[in-house]
């Protein structure tokens, strides 16, 4: 199965330095299966809360990766309950396909459980990106990488972050690297995203919403190059 543009970019952001990769809200498991093929030394954990979905995925993994059962695991549970402490090594937790508000709940729960464990998150929220960034900054997370992807007229910010400040650069409230284009096509996409974001927060501020006004001002200050 060919990965979507969004999943391809998530895959591209993952360096071969992790012992355990947690594909949370994994749906049909396409991303995790691609990671099994690419990261031959890593254990890949497929996580979703839907029992029937996970049972079907488990059987599919047995069919295609039956010789590597020691390298993949299926977990039918809430992301907030990830058993990270049961597996030694360096962890990457991927959370994609849900809103930034739900991601914040997952992260707060995981940080409360594993305050002393250093690990990375790869986040791709479908909305509430600004609020998610604020929450990560508040919890002293640091940034390894960020990028912007446009797929089917929707935009996705991706953030590869660490839960320890000393392991990367500061997270910017509205992003820094996502506004830096490497090609004319990317420049056009970034411009569309900024215009769409400004329109969104302009509508919110019509009700004199002060937080919305502050957010709008932050995006208005972005200078595209």
Foldseek 3Di string as FASTA:
>chain_A
DDDAPVLVVLLVVDDLFWQEEECEPCQLVPSQVVCCVVNVNHAYEYEEQDVVSQVVSVVVCCVVPVVVPVRYYYDNDDLLPDPPVVDDTEYEYEDEDAALVVVLVSVVSNCVVCVPDKYKYKYKHQDPPLVNLVSLLVLLKAFDDWEWDADPNGIIIITIIMSHNVPHHHRDSVDDVHLADPDPVSNVVSVVVLVVVLVVLVVVCVVVPPVSVVVNVVSVPDDHD
